Amino acid sequence: MNLFTINVASSGTQGGSVPGGVFTGNDGNASGSVSLFYDYSSAAIPAPGTFALLGLGLLGLTGMRRKTTML
């Protein structure tokens, strides 16, 4: 199992005014962390079966193409 931790932090100032002359402002800081756990395992691909299915599919497509061009 692997663990990654990402630390995030932010700070800033917000301010503004409205036409009535009232000023609003806000100062703030934020921080936190995010932890990610994952478990990775790979599976073997059965190559002979995959190649057999690919070959049968290509033969089928070739057969369909020949049928349509003979008409």
C-alpha atoms as a PDB file:
ATOM      1  CA  MET A   1       0.000   0.000   0.000  1.00  0.00           C
ATOM      2  CA  ASN A   2       1.289   3.442  -0.880  1.00  0.00           C
ATOM      3  CA  LEU A   3       0.562   6.751   0.819  1.00  0.00           C
ATOM      4  CA  PHE A   4       0.832  10.217  -0.620  1.00  0.00           C
ATOM      5  CA  THR A   5       0.149  13.367   1.394  1.00  0.00           C
ATOM      6  CA  ILE A   6      -0.487  16.715  -0.247  1.00  0.00           C
ATOM      7  CA  ASN A   7      -0.251  19.838   1.907  1.00  0.00           C
ATOM      8  CA  VAL A   8      -2.155  22.889   0.739  1.00  0.00           C
ATOM      9  CA  ALA A   9      -2.097  26.421   2.111  1.00  0.00           C
ATOM     10  CA  SER A  10      -3.591  29.703   1.012  1.00  0.00           C
ATOM     11  CA  SER A  11      -3.767  33.238   2.325  1.00  0.00           C
ATOM     12  CA  GLY A  12      -5.142  36.479   1.023  1.00  0.00           C
ATOM     13  CA  THR A  13      -7.136  39.614   1.622  1.00  0.00           C
ATOM     14  CA  GLN A  14     -10.531  40.491   0.263  1.00  0.00           C
ATOM     15  CA  GLY A  15     -11.849  43.988   0.288  1.00  0.00           C
ATOM     16  CA  GLY A  16     -14.350  46.176  -1.457  1.00  0.00           C
ATOM     17  CA  SER A  17     -16.786  49.013  -1.116  1.00  0.00           C
ATOM     18  CA  VAL A  18     -20.396  49.658  -1.962  1.00  0.00           C
ATOM     19  CA  PRO A  19     -21.924  52.896  -3.288  1.00  0.00           C
ATOM     20  CA  GLY A  20     -23.242  53.853   0.167  1.00  0.00           C
ATOM     21  CA  GLY A  21     -19.667  54.236   1.439  1.00  0.00           C
ATOM     22  CA  VAL A  22     -19.694  51.095   3.587  1.00  0.00           C
ATOM     23  CA  PHE A  23     -16.414  49.178   3.432  1.00  0.00           C
ATOM     24  CA  THR A  24     -16.300  45.461   3.941  1.00  0.00           C
ATOM     25  CA  GLY A  25     -13.092  43.506   4.208  1.00  0.00           C
ATOM     26  CA  ASN A  26     -11.938  40.079   5.183  1.00  0.00           C
ATOM     27  CA  ASP A  27      -8.481  38.707   5.960  1.00  0.00           C
ATOM     28  CA  GLY A  28      -8.086  34.989   6.156  1.00  0.00           C
ATOM     29  CA  ASN A  29      -5.796  32.018   5.980  1.00  0.00           C
ATOM     30  CA  ALA A  30      -6.617  28.448   5.094  1.00  0.00           C
ATOM     31  CA  SER A  31      -4.580  25.286   5.259  1.00  0.00           C
ATOM     32  CA  GLY A  32      -5.125  21.574   5.214  1.00  0.00           C
ATOM     33  CA  SER A  33      -3.852  18.280   3.926  1.00  0.00           C
ATOM     34  CA  VAL A  34      -5.173  15.502   1.746  1.00  0.00           C
ATOM     35  CA  SER A  35      -4.020  11.902   2.112  1.00  0.00           C
ATOM     36  CA  LEU A  36      -4.396   9.356  -0.666  1.00  0.00           C
ATOM     37  CA  PHE A  37      -4.091   5.622  -0.095  1.00  0.00           C
ATOM     38  CA  TYR A  38      -4.004   3.139  -2.937  1.00  0.00           C
ATOM     39  CA  ASP A  39      -3.152  -0.481  -3.471  1.00  0.00           C
ATOM     40  CA  TYR A  40      -1.893  -1.315  -6.951  1.00  0.00           C
ATOM     41  CA  SER A  41      -1.479  -4.770  -8.373  1.00  0.00           C
ATOM     42  CA  SER A  42      -1.233  -5.736 -12.010  1.00  0.00           C
ATOM     43  CA  ALA A  43      -2.809  -8.758 -13.607  1.00  0.00           C
ATOM     44  CA  ALA A  44      -1.222 -10.854 -16.317  1.00  0.00           C
ATOM     45  CA  ILE A  45      -2.851 -10.675 -19.751  1.00  0.00           C
ATOM     46  CA  PRO A  46      -3.372 -14.053 -21.397  1.00  0.00           C
ATOM     47  CA  ALA A  47      -1.642 -13.297 -24.708  1.00  0.00           C
ATOM     48  CA  PRO A  48      -2.561 -16.462 -26.679  1.00  0.00           C
ATOM     49  CA  GLY A  49      -6.271 -16.025 -25.999  1.00  0.00           C
ATOM     50  CA  THR A  50      -6.102 -12.334 -26.835  1.00  0.00           C
ATOM     51  CA  PHE A  51      -4.366 -12.987 -30.145  1.00  0.00           C
ATOM     52  CA  ALA A  52      -6.862 -15.732 -31.015  1.00  0.00           C
ATOM     53  CA  LEU A  53      -9.812 -13.395 -30.437  1.00  0.00           C
ATOM     54  CA  LEU A  54      -8.138 -10.646 -32.452  1.00  0.00           C
ATOM     55  CA  GLY A  55      -7.481 -13.059 -35.326  1.00  0.00           C
ATOM     56  CA  LEU A  56     -11.068 -14.331 -35.343  1.00  0.00           C
ATOM     57  CA  GLY A  57     -12.376 -10.773 -35.339  1.00  0.00           C
ATOM     58  CA  LEU A  58     -10.172  -9.803 -38.273  1.00  0.00           C
ATOM     59  CA  LEU A  59     -11.268 -12.914 -40.202  1.00  0.00           C
ATOM     60  CA  GLY A  60     -14.896 -12.022 -39.551  1.00  0.00           C
ATOM     61  CA  LEU A  61     -14.407  -8.452 -40.768  1.00  0.00           C
ATOM     62  CA  THR A  62     -12.631  -9.699 -43.888  1.00  0.00           C
ATOM     63  CA  GLY A  63     -15.472 -12.142 -44.586  1.00  0.00           C
ATOM     64  CA  MET A  64     -18.082  -9.402 -44.194  1.00  0.00           C
ATOM     65  CA  ARG A  65     -16.165  -7.129 -46.537  1.00  0.00           C
ATOM     66  CA  ARG A  66     -15.888  -9.811 -49.216  1.00  0.00           C
ATOM     67  CA  LYS A  67     -19.619 -10.510 -49.012  1.00  0.00           C
ATOM     68  CA  THR A  68     -20.538  -6.870 -49.576  1.00  0.00           C
ATOM     69  CA  THR A  69     -18.120  -6.381 -52.506  1.00  0.00           C
ATOM     70  CA  MET A  70     -19.337  -9.528 -54.337  1.00  0.00           C
ATOM     71  CA  LEU A  71     -22.930  -8.271 -54.523  1.00  0.00           C
END
